[in-house]
PDB file of all heavy atoms in Angstrom:
ATOM      1  N   HIS A   1     -30.675  69.802  45.592  1.00  0.00           N
ATOM      2  CA  HIS A   1     -29.725  68.719  46.092  1.00  0.00           C
ATOM      3  C   HIS A   1     -30.289  67.984  47.276  1.00  0.00           C
ATOM      4  O   HIS A   1     -29.772  67.992  48.391  1.00  0.00           O
ATOM      5  CB  HIS A   1     -28.358  69.333  46.406  1.00  0.00           C
ATOM      6  CG  HIS A   1     -27.564  69.783  45.146  1.00  0.00           C
ATOM      7  ND1 HIS A   1     -27.777  70.945  44.527  1.00  0.00           N
ATOM      8  CD2 HIS A   1     -26.689  69.130  44.443  1.00  0.00           C
ATOM      9  CE1 HIS A   1     -27.026  71.038  43.478  1.00  0.00           C
ATOM     10  NE2 HIS A   1     -26.287  70.014  43.431  1.00  0.00           N
ATOM     11  N   ASN A   2     -31.373  67.352  46.983  1.00  0.00           N
ATOM     12  CA  ASN A   2     -31.989  66.441  48.070  1.00  0.00           C
ATOM     13  C   ASN A   2     -31.154  65.203  48.153  1.00  0.00           C
ATOM     14  O   ASN A   2     -30.707  64.545  47.208  1.00  0.00           O
ATOM     15  CB  ASN A   2     -33.379  66.018  47.691  1.00  0.00           C
ATOM     16  CG  ASN A   2     -34.185  65.318  48.742  1.00  0.00           C
ATOM     17  OD1 ASN A   2     -33.909  64.129  48.989  1.00  0.00           O
ATOM     18  ND2 ASN A   2     -35.061  65.987  49.437  1.00  0.00           N
ATOM     19  N   LEU A   3     -30.765  64.832  49.432  1.00  0.00           N
ATOM     20  CA  LEU A   3     -29.798  63.767  49.689  1.00  0.00           C
ATOM     21  C   LEU A   3     -30.438  62.455  50.127  1.00  0.00           C
ATOM     22  O   LEU A   3     -29.741  61.500  50.470  1.00  0.00           O
ATOM     23  CB  LEU A   3     -28.823  64.187  50.797  1.00  0.00           C
ATOM     24  CG  LEU A   3     -28.054  65.442  50.519  1.00  0.00           C
ATOM     25  CD1 LEU A   3     -27.141  65.814  51.713  1.00  0.00           C
ATOM     26  CD2 LEU A   3     -27.177  65.216  49.239  1.00  0.00           C
ATOM     27  N   SER A   4     -31.785  62.323  49.973  1.00  0.00           N
ATOM     28  CA  SER A   4     -32.524  61.180  50.466  1.00  0.00           C
ATOM     29  C   SER A   4     -31.953  59.810  49.910  1.00  0.00           C
ATOM     30  O   SER A   4     -31.887  58.848  50.576  1.00  0.00           O
ATOM     31  CB  SER A   4     -33.995  61.276  50.215  1.00  0.00           C
ATOM     32  OG  SER A   4     -34.198  61.455  48.842  1.00  0.00           O
ATOM     33  N   LYS A   5     -31.527  59.883  48.603  1.00  0.00           N
ATOM     34  CA  LYS A   5     -30.965  58.624  48.034  1.00  0.00           C
ATOM     35  C   LYS A   5     -29.564  58.372  48.316  1.00  0.00           C
ATOM     36  O   LYS A   5     -28.990  57.309  47.909  1.00  0.00           O
ATOM     37  CB  LYS A   5     -31.153  58.703  46.502  1.00  0.00           C
ATOM     38  CG  LYS A   5     -32.587  58.734  46.009  1.00  0.00           C
ATOM     39  CD  LYS A   5     -32.802  58.771  44.532  1.00  0.00           C
ATOM     40  CE  LYS A   5     -34.238  58.839  44.202  1.00  0.00           C
ATOM     41  NZ  LYS A   5     -34.343  58.973  42.636  1.00  0.00           N
ATOM     42  N   ASP A   6     -28.790  59.290  49.005  1.00  0.00           N
ATOM     43  CA  ASP A   6     -27.511  59.250  49.126  1.00  0.00           C
ATOM     44  C   ASP A   6     -27.007  58.932  50.691  1.00  0.00           C
ATOM     45  O   ASP A   6     -25.937  58.560  50.889  1.00  0.00           O
ATOM     46  CB  ASP A   6     -26.721  60.478  48.718  1.00  0.00           C
ATOM     47  CG  ASP A   6     -26.904  60.880  47.244  1.00  0.00           C
ATOM     48  OD1 ASP A   6     -26.610  59.970  46.436  1.00  0.00           O
ATOM     49  OD2 ASP A   6     -27.378  61.956  46.997  1.00  0.00           O
ATOM     50  N   LEU A   7     -27.948  59.304  51.525  1.00  0.00           N
ATOM     51  CA  LEU A   7     -27.611  59.232  52.972  1.00  0.00           C
ATOM     52  C   LEU A   7     -27.215  57.785  53.435  1.00  0.00           C
ATOM     53  O   LEU A   7     -26.579  57.669  54.524  1.00  0.00           O
ATOM     54  CB  LEU A   7     -28.650  59.794  53.840  1.00  0.00           C
ATOM     55  CG  LEU A   7     -28.932  61.377  53.699  1.00  0.00           C
ATOM     56  CD1 LEU A   7     -30.081  61.844  54.562  1.00  0.00           C
ATOM     57  CD2 LEU A   7     -27.626  62.141  53.968  1.00  0.00           C
ATOM     58  N   THR A   8     -27.697  56.813  52.798  1.00  0.00           N
ATOM     59  CA  THR A   8     -27.359  55.406  53.186  1.00  0.00           C
ATOM     60  C   THR A   8     -25.865  55.079  53.041  1.00  0.00           C
ATOM     61  O   THR A   8     -25.291  54.140  53.593  1.00  0.00           O
ATOM     62  CB  THR A   8     -28.154  54.408  52.494  1.00  0.00           C
ATOM     63  OG1 THR A   8     -27.966  54.603  51.074  1.00  0.00           O
ATOM     64  CG2 THR A   8     -29.680  54.506  52.763  1.00  0.00           C
ATOM     65  N   ARG A   9     -25.101  55.958  52.404  1.00  0.00           N
ATOM     66  CA  ARG A   9     -23.752  55.895  52.160  1.00  0.00           C
ATOM     67  C   ARG A   9     -22.835  56.421  53.278  1.00  0.00           C
ATOM     68  O   ARG A   9     -21.706  56.291  53.296  1.00  0.00           O
ATOM     69  CB  ARG A   9     -23.251  56.387  50.761  1.00  0.00           C
ATOM     70  CG  ARG A   9     -23.900  55.689  49.649  1.00  0.00           C
ATOM     71  CD  ARG A   9     -23.130  56.091  48.270  1.00  0.00           C
ATOM     72  NE  ARG A   9     -23.497  57.395  47.775  1.00  0.00           N
ATOM     73  CZ  ARG A   9     -22.606  58.345  47.671  1.00  0.00           C
ATOM     74  NH1 ARG A   9     -21.479  58.335  48.078  1.00  0.00           N
ATOM     75  NH2 ARG A   9     -23.060  59.571  47.150  1.00  0.00           N
ATOM     76  N   ILE A  10     -23.501  57.199  54.088  1.00  0.00           N
ATOM     77  CA  ILE A  10     -22.767  57.766  55.293  1.00  0.00           C
ATOM     78  C   ILE A  10     -22.530  56.638  56.260  1.00  0.00           C
ATOM     79  O   ILE A  10     -23.476  56.045  56.756  1.00  0.00           O
ATOM     80  CB  ILE A  10     -23.705  58.948  55.943  1.00  0.00           C
ATOM     81  CG1 ILE A  10     -23.882  60.029  54.998  1.00  0.00           C
ATOM     82  CG2 ILE A  10     -22.938  59.312  57.189  1.00  0.00           C
ATOM     83  CD1 ILE A  10     -22.684  60.853  54.594  1.00  0.00           C
ATOM     84  N   SER A  11     -21.334  56.463  56.594  1.00  0.00           N
ATOM     85  CA  SER A  11     -20.919  55.355  57.488  1.00  0.00           C
ATOM     86  C   SER A  11     -20.190  55.765  58.814  1.00  0.00           C
ATOM     87  O   SER A  11     -19.899  54.913  59.611  1.00  0.00           O
ATOM     88  CB  SER A  11     -20.048  54.375  56.730  1.00  0.00           C
ATOM     89  OG  SER A  11     -18.853  54.923  56.282  1.00  0.00           O
ATOM     90  N   VAL A  12     -19.914  57.073  58.896  1.00  0.00           N
ATOM     91  CA  VAL A  12     -19.095  57.483  59.992  1.00  0.00           C
ATOM     92  C   VAL A  12     -20.147  57.769  61.161  1.00  0.00           C
ATOM     93  O   VAL A  12     -21.318  57.946  60.981  1.00  0.00           O
ATOM     94  CB  VAL A  12     -18.392  58.821  59.830  1.00  0.00           C
ATOM     95  CG1 VAL A  12     -17.283  58.639  58.749  1.00  0.00           C
ATOM     96  CG2 VAL A  12     -19.327  59.946  59.314  1.00  0.00           C
ATOM     97  N   PRO A  13     -19.668  57.749  62.411  1.00  0.00           N
ATOM     98  CA  PRO A  13     -20.554  58.055  63.587  1.00  0.00           C
ATOM     99  C   PRO A  13     -21.210  59.409  63.448  1.00  0.00           C
ATOM    100  O   PRO A  13     -20.514  60.425  63.091  1.00  0.00           O
ATOM    101  CB  PRO A  13     -19.677  58.022  64.822  1.00  0.00           C
ATOM    102  CG  PRO A  13     -18.450  57.145  64.421  1.00  0.00           C
ATOM    103  CD  PRO A  13     -18.243  57.367  62.883  1.00  0.00           C
ATOM    104  N   THR A  14     -22.623  59.365  63.551  1.00  0.00           N
ATOM    105  CA  THR A  14     -23.307  60.686  63.401  1.00  0.00           C
ATOM    106  C   THR A  14     -24.232  60.959  64.419  1.00  0.00           C
ATOM    107  O   THR A  14     -25.007  60.194  64.933  1.00  0.00           O
ATOM    108  CB  THR A  14     -24.156  60.510  62.087  1.00  0.00           C
ATOM    109  OG1 THR A  14     -23.284  60.207  60.856  1.00  0.00           O
ATOM    110  CG2 THR A  14     -24.896  61.693  61.691  1.00  0.00           C
ATOM    111  N   LEU A  15     -24.222  62.172  64.908  1.00  0.00           N
ATOM    112  CA  LEU A  15     -25.115  62.629  65.894  1.00  0.00           C
ATOM    113  C   LEU A  15     -26.024  63.696  65.342  1.00  0.00           C
ATOM    114  O   LEU A  15     -25.570  64.632  64.644  1.00  0.00           O
ATOM    115  CB  LEU A  15     -24.313  63.287  67.126  1.00  0.00           C
ATOM    116  CG  LEU A  15     -25.015  64.006  68.221  1.00  0.00           C
ATOM    117  CD1 LEU A  15     -25.892  63.030  69.028  1.00  0.00           C
ATOM    118  CD2 LEU A  15     -24.151  64.747  69.124  1.00  0.00           C
ATOM    119  N   LEU A  16     -27.399  63.560  65.622  1.00  0.00           N
ATOM    120  CA  LEU A  16     -28.291  64.471  65.163  1.00  0.00           C
ATOM    121  C   LEU A  16     -28.932  65.196  66.433  1.00  0.00           C
ATOM    122  O   LEU A  16     -29.409  64.574  67.404  1.00  0.00           O
ATOM    123  CB  LEU A  16     -29.487  63.808  64.450  1.00  0.00           C
ATOM    124  CG  LEU A  16     -29.052  62.776  63.312  1.00  0.00           C
ATOM    125  CD1 LEU A  16     -30.116  61.952  62.875  1.00  0.00           C
ATOM    126  CD2 LEU A  16     -28.492  63.655  62.152  1.00  0.00           C
ATOM    127  N   VAL A  17     -28.789  66.460  66.531  1.00  0.00           N
ATOM    128  CA  VAL A  17     -29.361  67.215  67.692  1.00  0.00           C
ATOM    129  C   VAL A  17     -30.384  68.179  67.107  1.00  0.00           C
ATOM    130  O   VAL A  17     -29.963  69.006  66.363  1.00  0.00           O
ATOM    131  CB  VAL A  17     -28.289  67.935  68.473  1.00  0.00           C
ATOM    132  CG1 VAL A  17     -28.929  68.762  69.658  1.00  0.00           C
ATOM    133  CG2 VAL A  17     -27.179  67.077  68.924  1.00  0.00           C
ATOM    134  N   TRP A  18     -31.624  68.089  67.548  1.00  0.00           N
ATOM    135  CA  TRP A  18     -32.768  68.852  66.896  1.00  0.00           C
ATOM    136  C   TRP A  18     -33.626  69.508  67.986  1.00  0.00           C
ATOM    137  O   TRP A  18     -33.850  68.974  69.012  1.00  0.00           O
ATOM    138  CB  TRP A  18     -33.602  67.837  66.079  1.00  0.00           C
ATOM    139  CG  TRP A  18     -33.740  68.246  64.698  1.00  0.00           C
ATOM    140  CD1 TRP A  18     -34.809  68.863  64.044  1.00  0.00           C
ATOM    141  CD2 TRP A  18     -32.807  67.890  63.680  1.00  0.00           C
ATOM    142  NE1 TRP A  18     -34.614  68.953  62.767  1.00  0.00           N
ATOM    143  CE2 TRP A  18     -33.284  68.360  62.370  1.00  0.00           C
ATOM    144  CE3 TRP A  18     -31.522  67.323  63.580  1.00  0.00           C
ATOM    145  CZ2 TRP A  18     -32.691  68.271  61.276  1.00  0.00           C
ATOM    146  CZ3 TRP A  18     -30.863  67.186  62.429  1.00  0.00           C
ATOM    147  CH2 TRP A  18     -31.430  67.618  61.242  1.00  0.00           C
ATOM    148  N   GLY A  19     -34.053  70.643  67.591  1.00  0.00           N
ATOM    149  CA  GLY A  19     -35.064  71.246  68.432  1.00  0.00           C
ATOM    150  C   GLY A  19     -36.419  70.783  68.087  1.00  0.00           C
ATOM    151  O   GLY A  19     -36.941  70.709  67.071  1.00  0.00           O
ATOM    152  N   LEU A  20     -37.104  70.450  69.199  1.00  0.00           N
ATOM    153  CA  LEU A  20     -38.441  69.875  69.105  1.00  0.00           C
ATOM    154  C   LEU A  20     -39.417  70.961  68.459  1.00  0.00           C
ATOM    155  O   LEU A  20     -40.369  70.708  67.973  1.00  0.00           O
ATOM    156  CB  LEU A  20     -39.018  69.497  70.406  1.00  0.00           C
ATOM    157  CG  LEU A  20     -38.815  68.058  70.886  1.00  0.00           C
ATOM    158  CD1 LEU A  20     -39.235  67.720  72.195  1.00  0.00           C
ATOM    159  CD2 LEU A  20     -39.465  67.072  69.840  1.00  0.00           C
ATOM    160  N   ASN A  21     -39.054  72.326  68.571  1.00  0.00           N
ATOM    161  CA  ASN A  21     -39.935  73.310  68.167  1.00  0.00           C
ATOM    162  C   ASN A  21     -39.283  73.971  66.842  1.00  0.00           C
ATOM    163  O   ASN A  21     -39.731  75.072  66.411  1.00  0.00           O
ATOM    164  CB  ASN A  21     -40.077  74.384  69.214  1.00  0.00           C
ATOM    165  CG  ASN A  21     -40.379  73.802  70.534  1.00  0.00           C
ATOM    166  OD1 ASN A  21     -39.606  73.456  71.387  1.00  0.00           O
ATOM    167  ND2 ASN A  21     -41.757  73.465  70.739  1.00  0.00           N
ATOM    168  N   ASP A  22     -38.480  73.173  66.201  1.00  0.00           N
ATOM    169  CA  ASP A  22     -37.919  73.694  64.810  1.00  0.00           C
ATOM    170  C   ASP A  22     -38.993  73.616  63.722  1.00  0.00           C
ATOM    171  O   ASP A  22     -39.604  72.573  63.572  1.00  0.00           O
ATOM    172  CB  ASP A  22     -36.752  72.728  64.384  1.00  0.00           C
ATOM    173  CG  ASP A  22     -36.018  73.212  63.245  1.00  0.00           C
ATOM    174  OD1 ASP A  22     -36.450  74.097  62.457  1.00  0.00           O
ATOM    175  OD2 ASP A  22     -34.900  72.847  63.051  1.00  0.00           O
ATOM    176  N   THR A  23     -39.301  74.844  63.287  1.00  0.00           N
ATOM    177  CA  THR A  23     -40.285  74.970  62.205  1.00  0.00           C
ATOM    178  C   THR A  23     -39.714  75.106  60.836  1.00  0.00           C
ATOM    179  O   THR A  23     -40.434  75.061  59.810  1.00  0.00           O
ATOM    180  CB  THR A  23     -41.205  76.089  62.453  1.00  0.00           C
ATOM    181  OG1 THR A  23     -40.384  77.350  62.673  1.00  0.00           O
ATOM    182  CG2 THR A  23     -42.118  75.958  63.765  1.00  0.00           C
ATOM    183  N   ILE A  24     -38.352  75.183  60.808  1.00  0.00           N
ATOM    184  CA  ILE A  24     -37.715  75.227  59.383  1.00  0.00           C
ATOM    185  C   ILE A  24     -37.267  73.856  58.905  1.00  0.00           C
ATOM    186  O   ILE A  24     -37.511  73.523  57.810  1.00  0.00           O
ATOM    187  CB  ILE A  24     -36.551  76.142  59.554  1.00  0.00           C
ATOM    188  CG1 ILE A  24     -36.868  77.640  60.014  1.00  0.00           C
ATOM    189  CG2 ILE A  24     -35.710  76.316  58.272  1.00  0.00           C
ATOM    190  CD1 ILE A  24     -35.779  78.575  60.292  1.00  0.00           C
ATOM    191  N   THR A  25     -36.764  73.076  59.806  1.00  0.00           N
ATOM    192  CA  THR A  25     -36.545  71.575  59.532  1.00  0.00           C
ATOM    193  C   THR A  25     -37.265  70.823  60.710  1.00  0.00           C
ATOM    194  O   THR A  25     -36.530  70.575  61.657  1.00  0.00           O
ATOM    195  CB  THR A  25     -35.049  71.318  59.505  1.00  0.00           C
ATOM    196  OG1 THR A  25     -34.346  71.835  60.666  1.00  0.00           O
ATOM    197  CG2 THR A  25     -34.445  71.822  58.170  1.00  0.00           C
ATOM    198  N   PRO A  26     -38.518  70.683  60.617  1.00  0.00           N
ATOM    199  CA  PRO A  26     -39.275  70.075  61.646  1.00  0.00           C
ATOM    200  C   PRO A  26     -38.741  68.733  62.219  1.00  0.00           C
ATOM    201  O   PRO A  26     -38.107  68.081  61.460  1.00  0.00           O
ATOM    202  CB  PRO A  26     -40.671  70.108  61.133  1.00  0.00           C
ATOM    203  CG  PRO A  26     -40.728  70.951  59.892  1.00  0.00           C
ATOM    204  CD  PRO A  26     -39.323  70.875  59.389  1.00  0.00           C
ATOM    205  N   PRO A  27     -39.166  68.352  63.444  1.00  0.00           N
ATOM    206  CA  PRO A  27     -38.757  66.954  63.876  1.00  0.00           C
ATOM    207  C   PRO A  27     -38.885  65.806  62.922  1.00  0.00           C
ATOM    208  O   PRO A  27     -38.001  64.953  63.001  1.00  0.00           O
ATOM    209  CB  PRO A  27     -39.654  66.904  65.155  1.00  0.00           C
ATOM    210  CG  PRO A  27     -39.800  68.241  65.659  1.00  0.00           C
ATOM    211  CD  PRO A  27     -39.927  69.083  64.404  1.00  0.00           C
ATOM    212  N   PRO A  28     -39.961  65.742  62.086  1.00  0.00           N
ATOM    213  CA  PRO A  28     -40.025  64.613  61.180  1.00  0.00           C
ATOM    214  C   PRO A  28     -38.870  64.462  60.253  1.00  0.00           C
ATOM    215  O   PRO A  28     -38.398  63.490  59.850  1.00  0.00           O
ATOM    216  CB  PRO A  28     -41.329  64.846  60.363  1.00  0.00           C
ATOM    217  CG  PRO A  28     -42.175  65.653  61.255  1.00  0.00           C
ATOM    218  CD  PRO A  28     -41.278  66.385  62.024  1.00  0.00           C
ATOM    219  N   VAL A  29     -38.191  65.726  59.933  1.00  0.00           N
ATOM    220  CA  VAL A  29     -36.992  65.693  59.164  1.00  0.00           C
ATOM    221  C   VAL A  29     -35.963  64.928  59.957  1.00  0.00           C
ATOM    222  O   VAL A  29     -35.154  64.106  59.365  1.00  0.00           O
ATOM    223  CB  VAL A  29     -36.634  67.138  58.797  1.00  0.00           C
ATOM    224  CG1 VAL A  29     -35.270  67.179  58.094  1.00  0.00           C
ATOM    225  CG2 VAL A  29     -37.688  67.776  57.994  1.00  0.00           C
ATOM    226  N   ALA A  30     -35.829  65.257  61.243  1.00  0.00           N
ATOM    227  CA  ALA A  30     -34.735  64.595  62.048  1.00  0.00           C
ATOM    228  C   ALA A  30     -34.900  63.222  62.059  1.00  0.00           C
ATOM    229  O   ALA A  30     -33.971  62.345  61.884  1.00  0.00           O
ATOM    230  CB  ALA A  30     -34.774  65.162  63.340  1.00  0.00           C
ATOM    231  N   HIS A  31     -36.071  62.699  62.216  1.00  0.00           N
ATOM    232  CA  HIS A  31     -36.475  61.239  62.200  1.00  0.00           C
ATOM    233  C   HIS A  31     -36.083  60.663  60.820  1.00  0.00           C
ATOM    234  O   HIS A  31     -35.587  59.397  60.864  1.00  0.00           O
ATOM    235  CB  HIS A  31     -37.991  60.992  62.433  1.00  0.00           C
ATOM    236  CG  HIS A  31     -38.300  61.143  63.861  1.00  0.00           C
ATOM    237  ND1 HIS A  31     -37.784  60.329  64.977  1.00  0.00           N
ATOM    238  CD2 HIS A  31     -38.992  62.096  64.551  1.00  0.00           C
ATOM    239  CE1 HIS A  31     -38.308  60.708  66.128  1.00  0.00           C
ATOM    240  NE2 HIS A  31     -39.058  61.812  65.849  1.00  0.00           N
ATOM    241  N   GLU A  32     -36.284  61.343  59.789  1.00  0.00           N
ATOM    242  CA  GLU A  32     -35.838  60.723  58.421  1.00  0.00           C
ATOM    243  C   GLU A  32     -34.314  60.708  58.206  1.00  0.00           C
ATOM    244  O   GLU A  32     -33.837  59.704  57.766  1.00  0.00           O
ATOM    245  CB  GLU A  32     -36.484  61.681  57.272  1.00  0.00           C
ATOM    246  CG  GLU A  32     -36.232  61.024  55.953  1.00  0.00           C
ATOM    247  CD  GLU A  32     -37.003  59.801  55.669  1.00  0.00           C
ATOM    248  OE1 GLU A  32     -37.726  59.307  56.629  1.00  0.00           O
ATOM    249  OE2 GLU A  32     -36.868  59.315  54.510  1.00  0.00           O
ATOM    250  N   PHE A  33     -33.600  61.616  58.819  1.00  0.00           N
ATOM    251  CA  PHE A  33     -32.190  61.639  58.750  1.00  0.00           C
ATOM    252  C   PHE A  33     -31.744  60.523  59.559  1.00  0.00           C
ATOM    253  O   PHE A  33     -30.888  59.522  59.194  1.00  0.00           O
ATOM    254  CB  PHE A  33     -31.582  62.838  59.365  1.00  0.00           C
ATOM    255  CG  PHE A  33     -31.314  63.989  58.400  1.00  0.00           C
ATOM    256  CD1 PHE A  33     -31.965  65.185  58.522  1.00  0.00           C
ATOM    257  CD2 PHE A  33     -30.390  63.834  57.360  1.00  0.00           C
ATOM    258  CE1 PHE A  33     -31.650  66.256  57.571  1.00  0.00           C
ATOM    259  CE2 PHE A  33     -30.093  64.858  56.509  1.00  0.00           C
ATOM    260  CZ  PHE A  33     -30.822  66.137  56.585  1.00  0.00           C
TER     261      PHE A  33
END
């Protein structure tokens, strides 16, 4: 269930808080969100 084609439909205020040392969902994933 990859959401890359659906996320543009999210319209509510959204905060992303990420660990710079996250190796499971690394920082490039946060940038893509």
